Amino acid sequence: MNCRLIQRLPITIAIALTSCAIAPTIEANRTALAGVKRVAVVDLNLPNSARVQNFGLAGGFGGIGGAIQGATNADNSKVFTASIAKHDPTLNEALVSSVVDVLTKQGYQVTVIKDQKPSPDTDKKIWDLSKIHTDAGAILVVWAPLCGYVSPPQSLHYEPQVMIRVQLSETKSQQNLYLKTFFVGYKTASISAECLPAGTGNRYKSFEDLNLHASEAADGLIACEKIGAMKIGLDLAGH
């Protein structure tokens, strides 16, 4: 199953980490985190970009039908991405802001780094943060390589699907203290990740209905990001 993010990211380093290859999960190292007072959050500054996928119709029409539906999915993704292009805040801004709020409420001193970008590690599953310069005790990167709406198999409606990845590393040693992947909403079965329910409030009866309510749909994706951010906070707090 193809689970690439729709190809409209202008930052090459972000594209490198949007594949289906998932880094192993590392649960929060709370012993090491006990000594961390300041966290620097790296803002990747990604524009709004979304994927629209219909799994409900292609399966019954063989390879040709699947190819036709794949092209339709790509076109719908472009249309929906254009519809939410100017949504304020952007999906990336909302995700970073939600995580910053969660960390701040837990007592961390949080700074946001916007003028430095990480590069993919050699295995292209995580970020190499060694060139990020900060006085903070740890560096956190959070991003949503897959974000959009899915029409599940045997269904006509569209519901949100947001994959969130988070990496927290100690600044000096570069040791990963926390590394995890979440699916909020519909989960792609072939990917190993922790699943979080998104509720049923952001469902649309067709793609036309979804695109007609694009601003509300973008808010639905942001709501999913907040769910993921809250779970990151619970993990780091040991709950």
Protein backbone atom coordinates (compact mmCIF):
# COMPACT_ATOMS: atom_id res chain seq x y z
CA MET A 1 0.00 0.00 0.00
CA ASN A 2 1.33 3.37 -1.00
CA CYS A 3 1.44 5.69 1.99
CA ARG A 4 3.42 8.61 0.63
CA LEU A 5 2.36 12.11 1.48
CA ILE A 6 1.06 14.04 -1.51
CA GLN A 7 4.14 15.44 -3.24
CA ARG A 8 3.90 19.16 -2.52
CA LEU A 9 6.43 19.63 0.24
CA PRO A 10 9.03 22.22 -0.70
CA ILE A 11 11.54 21.04 1.85
CA THR A 12 13.48 18.04 0.54
CA ILE A 13 14.54 16.85 3.98
CA ALA A 14 10.92 16.48 5.00
CA ILE A 15 10.09 14.32 1.99
CA ALA A 16 12.87 11.92 2.96
CA LEU A 17 11.05 10.98 6.15
CA THR A 18 7.55 10.54 4.75
CA SER A 19 7.96 6.95 3.59
CA CYS A 20 6.30 3.94 5.17
CA ALA A 21 9.53 2.88 6.91
CA ILE A 22 8.93 3.42 10.61
CA ALA A 23 11.70 3.74 13.19
CA PRO A 24 11.44 1.40 16.19
CA THR A 25 9.45 2.77 19.10
CA ILE A 26 11.40 4.09 22.08
CA GLU A 27 9.25 4.70 25.11
CA ALA A 28 9.99 7.84 27.08
CA ASN A 29 13.22 7.53 29.09
CA ARG A 30 11.94 9.29 32.18
CA THR A 31 15.17 8.72 34.11
CA ALA A 32 17.08 10.79 31.57
CA LEU A 33 14.18 13.23 31.19
CA ALA A 34 14.25 13.98 34.91
CA GLY A 35 17.35 16.11 34.34
CA VAL A 36 15.90 17.99 31.37
CA LYS A 37 14.48 21.43 32.18
CA ARG A 38 14.59 23.07 28.75
CA VAL A 39 13.37 21.65 25.46
CA ALA A 40 13.99 23.13 22.02
CA VAL A 41 11.25 22.30 19.51
CA VAL A 42 12.37 22.38 15.87
CA ASP A 43 9.74 23.88 13.58
CA LEU A 44 10.04 22.29 10.12
CA ASN A 45 7.83 25.07 8.71
CA LEU A 46 5.84 22.83 6.36
CA PRO A 47 2.98 24.27 4.30
CA ASN A 48 -0.52 22.84 4.32
CA SER A 49 -0.56 19.59 2.36
CA ALA A 50 -3.07 16.76 2.58
CA ARG A 51 -3.88 13.38 1.10
CA VAL A 52 -7.34 12.18 0.15
CA GLN A 53 -7.63 8.42 -0.30
CA ASN A 54 -10.64 6.32 -1.27
CA PHE A 55 -10.19 2.67 -0.27
CA GLY A 56 -13.88 1.88 -0.63
CA LEU A 57 -14.34 1.56 -4.40
CA ALA A 58 -11.14 0.48 -6.13
CA GLY A 59 -10.95 -3.05 -4.76
CA GLY A 60 -13.95 -4.29 -6.72
CA PHE A 61 -12.66 -3.28 -10.15
CA GLY A 62 -9.27 -4.98 -10.36
CA GLY A 63 -5.98 -3.43 -11.41
CA ILE A 64 -7.49 -1.03 -13.95
CA GLY A 65 -10.05 0.23 -11.47
CA GLY A 66 -7.34 0.59 -8.87
CA ALA A 67 -5.23 2.66 -11.25
CA ILE A 68 -8.18 4.89 -12.11
CA GLN A 69 -9.01 5.36 -8.43
CA GLY A 70 -5.35 6.09 -7.69
CA ALA A 71 -5.38 8.90 -10.24
CA THR A 72 -8.64 10.21 -8.79
CA ASN A 73 -7.12 10.13 -5.30
CA ALA A 74 -4.14 12.14 -6.51
CA ASP A 75 -6.41 14.71 -8.18
CA ASN A 76 -8.63 14.98 -5.11
CA SER A 77 -5.59 15.41 -2.91
CA LYS A 78 -4.41 18.33 -5.03
CA VAL A 79 -7.86 19.94 -4.99
CA PHE A 80 -8.25 19.57 -1.22
CA THR A 81 -4.69 20.77 -0.59
CA ALA A 82 -5.44 23.88 -2.64
CA SER A 83 -8.65 24.42 -0.68
CA ILE A 84 -6.83 24.46 2.67
CA ALA A 85 -3.64 26.16 1.41
CA LYS A 86 -4.42 29.43 3.19
CA HIS A 87 -5.97 27.94 6.30
CA ASP A 88 -4.75 29.74 9.42
CA PRO A 89 -3.06 28.27 11.35
CA THR A 90 -1.35 25.82 9.03
CA LEU A 91 -1.42 22.14 10.02
CA ASN A 92 2.28 22.33 10.87
CA GLU A 93 1.86 25.47 12.99
CA ALA A 94 -1.03 23.92 14.87
CA LEU A 95 0.88 20.70 15.60
CA VAL A 96 3.99 22.52 16.84
CA SER A 97 1.88 24.92 18.91
CA SER A 98 -0.07 22.07 20.51
CA VAL A 99 3.11 20.24 21.51
CA VAL A 100 4.68 23.45 22.85
CA ASP A 101 1.55 24.08 24.97
CA VAL A 102 1.64 20.54 26.37
CA LEU A 103 5.34 20.75 27.26
CA THR A 104 4.92 24.18 28.85
CA LYS A 105 2.06 22.95 31.03
CA GLN A 106 4.34 20.16 32.24
CA GLY A 107 6.85 22.72 33.47
CA TYR A 108 9.43 22.62 30.69
CA GLN A 109 11.00 25.84 29.45
CA VAL A 110 10.31 25.62 25.74
CA THR A 111 11.92 27.46 22.85
CA VAL A 112 11.01 27.06 19.19
CA ILE A 113 13.78 26.88 16.59
CA LYS A 114 12.74 28.10 13.15
CA ASP A 115 16.07 29.01 11.56
CA GLN A 116 17.75 25.60 11.82
CA LYS A 117 16.65 22.40 10.09
CA PRO A 118 17.69 18.80 10.76
CA SER A 119 18.79 16.36 8.09
CA PRO A 120 17.64 12.75 7.68
CA ASP A 121 19.69 10.16 9.53
CA THR A 122 21.48 7.51 7.46
CA ASP A 123 18.53 5.10 7.61
CA LYS A 124 16.09 7.91 6.70
CA LYS A 125 13.77 6.87 9.54
CA ILE A 126 14.70 9.58 12.03
CA TRP A 127 16.34 13.01 12.06
CA ASP A 128 20.00 13.74 12.56
CA LEU A 129 19.89 16.56 15.12
CA SER A 130 23.64 16.89 15.65
CA LYS A 131 23.84 20.21 13.78
CA ILE A 132 21.04 21.87 15.73
CA HIS A 133 22.64 24.44 18.04
CA THR A 134 20.80 25.10 21.30
CA ASP A 135 21.43 25.46 25.03
CA ALA A 136 18.36 23.38 25.79
CA GLY A 137 18.89 19.98 27.35
CA ALA A 138 16.81 18.18 24.72
CA ILE A 139 15.63 18.69 21.15
CA LEU A 140 12.19 17.65 19.94
CA VAL A 141 10.94 17.30 16.39
CA VAL A 142 7.28 16.55 15.68
CA TRP A 143 5.74 16.27 12.23
CA ALA A 144 2.78 14.74 10.41
CA PRO A 145 4.06 12.97 7.28
CA LEU A 146 0.59 11.70 6.46
CA CYS A 147 -2.39 13.95 6.99
CA GLY A 148 -5.76 13.97 5.28
CA TYR A 149 -9.03 12.12 4.83
CA VAL A 150 -9.76 8.49 3.99
CA SER A 151 -12.83 6.67 2.75
CA PRO A 152 -12.36 3.22 4.34
CA PRO A 153 -13.10 -0.08 2.54
CA GLN A 154 -16.81 -0.87 2.23
CA SER A 155 -17.67 2.72 3.06
CA LEU A 156 -18.66 5.93 1.30
CA HIS A 157 -17.88 8.53 3.97
CA TYR A 158 -14.54 10.29 4.51
CA GLU A 159 -12.90 10.45 7.93
CA PRO A 160 -9.64 11.99 9.17
CA GLN A 161 -6.31 10.18 9.17
CA VAL A 162 -3.26 11.82 10.72
CA MET A 163 0.07 10.08 11.26
CA ILE A 164 2.27 11.90 13.76
CA ARG A 165 5.93 11.17 14.42
CA VAL A 166 7.85 12.55 17.36
CA GLN A 167 11.55 12.37 18.18
CA LEU A 168 13.07 13.68 21.41
CA SER A 169 16.85 13.54 21.77
CA GLU A 170 19.31 14.64 24.42
CA THR A 171 21.26 17.57 23.01
CA LYS A 172 24.78 16.62 24.12
CA SER A 173 24.77 12.87 23.64
CA GLN A 174 22.22 12.78 20.78
CA GLN A 175 20.65 9.81 22.54
CA ASN A 176 17.02 9.34 21.57
CA LEU A 177 14.94 9.65 24.73
CA TYR A 178 11.59 9.16 23.03
CA LEU A 179 10.62 8.02 19.54
CA LYS A 180 7.10 7.18 18.52
CA THR A 181 4.55 7.05 15.72
CA PHE A 182 0.83 7.67 16.20
CA PHE A 183 -2.19 7.27 13.98
CA VAL A 184 -5.08 9.51 14.97
CA GLY A 185 -8.30 8.50 13.24
CA TYR A 186 -8.21 5.89 10.49
CA LYS A 187 -5.12 3.65 10.69
CA THR A 188 -3.33 2.16 7.70
CA ALA A 189 -3.21 -1.50 8.72
CA SER A 190 0.24 -2.22 7.30
CA ILE A 191 1.99 0.33 9.51
CA SER A 192 2.93 -0.39 13.11
CA ALA A 193 1.94 2.57 15.26
CA GLU A 194 -0.10 3.46 18.33
CA CYS A 195 -3.70 4.21 17.38
CA LEU A 196 -5.73 7.03 18.90
CA PRO A 197 -9.46 7.49 18.19
CA ALA A 198 -10.56 10.72 16.56
CA GLY A 199 -14.29 10.45 17.24
CA THR A 200 -17.00 10.67 14.62
CA GLY A 201 -17.51 14.43 14.48
CA ASN A 202 -15.42 15.05 11.35
CA ARG A 203 -16.95 12.77 8.74
CA TYR A 204 -18.12 13.78 5.28
CA LYS A 205 -20.51 11.90 3.02
CA SER A 206 -18.48 12.41 -0.17
CA PHE A 207 -15.38 14.13 -1.50
CA GLU A 208 -17.54 16.99 -2.75
CA ASP A 209 -18.94 17.41 0.76
CA LEU A 210 -15.42 17.26 2.22
CA ASN A 211 -14.05 19.90 -0.14
CA LEU A 212 -17.13 22.11 0.29
CA HIS A 213 -16.36 22.19 4.01
CA ALA A 214 -12.57 22.38 3.58
CA SER A 215 -12.00 24.89 6.38
CA GLU A 216 -13.96 22.79 8.86
CA ALA A 217 -12.18 19.68 7.60
CA ALA A 218 -8.81 21.35 8.21
CA ASP A 219 -9.97 22.17 11.74
CA GLY A 220 -10.78 18.46 12.09
CA LEU A 221 -7.20 17.56 11.18
CA ILE A 222 -5.92 20.09 13.71
CA ALA A 223 -8.18 18.48 16.34
CA CYS A 224 -6.48 15.15 15.55
CA GLU A 225 -3.09 16.79 15.97
CA LYS A 226 -4.13 18.05 19.41
CA ILE A 227 -5.10 14.51 20.38
CA GLY A 228 -1.64 13.34 19.35
CA ALA A 229 0.03 16.20 21.23
CA MET A 230 -1.88 15.34 24.40
CA LYS A 231 -0.74 11.70 24.14
CA ILE A 232 2.87 12.84 23.70
CA GLY A 233 2.48 14.84 26.91
CA LEU A 234 1.03 11.84 28.75
CA ASP A 235 3.90 9.63 27.57
CA LEU A 236 6.52 12.11 28.74
CA ALA A 237 4.73 12.53 32.07
CA GLY A 238 4.60 8.78 32.63
CA HIS A 239 0.82 8.36 32.48
